[in-house]
Amino acid sequence: METKKSSFQFERPILLNLIYNENNDFELKDEVEIKVDLETNVDTRENNADVYVVLKTIGDNLPFYIEVEMYSKFVWNEEMKNENLQNILETNAALVLVSYIRNIVANITSSSRYPTWHIPFLDLRKEKNN
């Protein structure tokens, strides 16, 4: 199947901030579930938006603390309807940046004394209240 280029594109993602702090008091006994907090900031203009994503680990008894901030500019053509644009930017654009963060985190944690951490897929859909 031949595909065509989407009218929704992004520029090269940029790493803005990276913090890695190992917890020297942590003892690895069993597999650890690492939870994350994800903040998305979207500055929308006419046919583009600056999207910033900050992902950080949450919890006290973790092998490390990681905080990563990435940025990219997303662009689209005038044909794209604005009705779902904010949702697309807050979910799809954020997940694009998380896919870049995922590789950075795996690379950093592979150099630690703990097992490599692979950020799981995240569900950023907003729950609808009925």
Protein backbone atom coordinates (compact mmCIF):
# COMPACT_ATOMS: atom_id res chain seq x y z
CA MET A 1 0.00 0.00 0.00
CA GLU A 2 1.40 3.37 -0.98
CA THR A 3 1.25 5.97 1.77
CA LYS A 4 1.34 9.72 1.67
CA LYS A 5 2.98 12.18 4.00
CA SER A 6 0.76 13.35 6.85
CA SER A 7 -0.22 17.01 7.05
CA PHE A 8 0.88 16.85 10.72
CA GLN A 9 4.70 16.93 11.10
CA PHE A 10 7.34 17.78 13.68
CA GLU A 11 10.85 19.17 13.76
CA ARG A 12 13.85 17.46 15.35
CA PRO A 13 13.13 16.90 19.06
CA ILE A 14 15.50 18.68 21.43
CA LEU A 15 16.59 17.45 24.86
CA LEU A 16 16.27 20.45 27.22
CA ASN A 17 16.90 18.90 30.63
CA LEU A 18 18.11 15.57 32.02
CA ILE A 19 18.48 14.67 35.69
CA TYR A 20 19.60 11.24 36.88
CA ASN A 21 20.17 10.58 40.58
CA GLU A 22 20.85 7.08 41.83
CA ASN A 23 19.37 6.05 45.18
CA ASN A 24 22.36 4.67 47.08
CA ASP A 25 20.10 3.23 49.79
CA PHE A 26 18.02 1.17 47.36
CA GLU A 27 18.34 -2.62 47.52
CA LEU A 28 17.06 -4.56 44.53
CA LYS A 29 15.15 -7.58 45.81
CA ASP A 30 12.29 -8.03 43.38
CA GLU A 31 11.16 -6.38 40.20
CA VAL A 32 10.26 -2.76 40.88
CA GLU A 33 7.31 -0.96 39.34
CA ILE A 34 8.40 2.54 38.42
CA LYS A 35 5.61 5.07 38.02
CA VAL A 36 5.94 8.30 36.09
CA ASP A 37 4.42 11.74 36.03
CA LEU A 38 4.08 13.35 32.63
CA GLU A 39 3.55 17.08 32.15
CA THR A 40 2.72 18.45 28.72
CA ASN A 41 2.80 22.13 27.85
CA VAL A 42 1.46 23.20 24.46
CA ASP A 43 1.85 26.71 23.04
CA THR A 44 -0.38 26.77 19.93
CA ARG A 45 -0.22 29.32 17.16
CA GLU A 46 -1.88 29.43 13.74
CA ASN A 47 -0.28 26.43 11.97
CA ASN A 48 2.27 25.29 14.53
CA ALA A 49 2.76 24.60 18.20
CA ASP A 50 5.68 24.33 20.59
CA VAL A 51 5.24 21.16 22.65
CA TYR A 52 7.20 20.56 25.85
CA VAL A 53 7.09 17.27 27.74
CA VAL A 54 8.55 16.58 31.17
CA LEU A 55 8.66 12.97 32.33
CA LYS A 56 9.78 12.14 35.87
CA THR A 57 9.74 9.14 38.12
CA ILE A 58 7.51 9.30 41.19
CA GLY A 59 7.86 7.41 44.45
CA ASP A 60 10.40 7.10 47.25
CA ASN A 61 11.72 3.55 47.15
CA LEU A 62 13.11 3.55 43.61
CA PRO A 63 16.58 2.71 42.33
CA PHE A 64 16.90 6.18 40.80
CA TYR A 65 15.18 9.46 40.09
CA ILE A 66 14.95 10.55 36.47
CA GLU A 67 13.57 13.74 35.01
CA VAL A 68 13.71 14.43 31.29
CA GLU A 69 12.37 17.43 29.38
CA MET A 70 12.07 17.44 25.60
CA TYR A 71 10.74 19.95 23.12
CA SER A 72 9.70 19.96 19.49
CA LYS A 73 7.80 22.23 17.15
CA PHE A 74 4.82 20.59 15.48
CA VAL A 75 3.45 21.97 12.23
CA TRP A 76 0.37 21.29 10.11
CA ASN A 77 -1.26 22.65 7.00
CA GLU A 78 -4.37 24.80 6.87
CA GLU A 79 -6.58 21.87 5.83
CA MET A 80 -6.31 20.29 9.26
CA LYS A 81 -9.45 20.89 11.30
CA ASN A 82 -9.01 22.65 14.65
CA GLU A 83 -11.71 20.71 16.52
CA ASN A 84 -9.35 17.92 17.63
CA LEU A 85 -6.08 19.79 17.33
CA GLN A 86 -5.52 20.44 21.04
CA ASN A 87 -6.22 16.80 21.84
CA ILE A 88 -3.84 15.65 19.09
CA LEU A 89 -1.11 17.92 20.43
CA GLU A 90 -1.61 16.86 24.06
CA THR A 91 -1.69 13.13 23.28
CA ASN A 92 -0.09 12.24 19.95
CA ALA A 93 2.58 14.95 20.02
CA ALA A 94 3.40 14.16 23.64
CA LEU A 95 3.71 10.45 22.84
CA VAL A 96 6.06 11.22 19.95
CA LEU A 97 8.34 13.03 22.40
CA VAL A 98 8.01 10.23 24.97
CA SER A 99 9.29 7.79 22.33
CA TYR A 100 12.50 9.86 22.17
CA ILE A 101 12.68 10.08 25.97
CA ARG A 102 12.27 6.28 26.15
CA ASN A 103 15.55 5.73 24.28
CA ILE A 104 17.43 8.26 26.41
CA VAL A 105 16.22 6.68 29.66
CA ALA A 106 17.08 3.15 28.49
CA ASN A 107 20.56 4.31 27.51
CA ILE A 108 21.18 6.10 30.84
CA THR A 109 19.86 3.27 33.02
CA SER A 110 21.80 0.63 31.09
CA SER A 111 24.93 2.26 32.51
CA SER A 112 23.69 2.01 36.10
CA ARG A 113 24.08 -0.88 38.52
CA TYR A 114 20.37 -1.63 38.13
CA PRO A 115 18.60 -3.32 35.23
CA THR A 116 17.85 -1.19 32.20
CA TRP A 117 14.51 0.54 32.57
CA HIS A 118 12.28 0.62 29.52
CA ILE A 119 9.46 3.12 29.93
CA PRO A 120 6.21 1.29 29.15
CA PHE A 121 3.65 2.59 26.69
CA LEU A 122 1.60 5.34 28.29
CA ASP A 123 -2.12 5.95 27.90
CA LEU A 124 -2.68 9.71 27.70
CA ARG A 125 -6.34 9.58 26.78
CA LYS A 126 -8.49 11.72 29.05
CA GLU A 127 -11.24 9.81 30.77
CA LYS A 128 -14.71 11.09 29.96
CA ASN A 129 -17.04 11.72 32.87
CA ASN A 130 -20.58 10.58 32.06
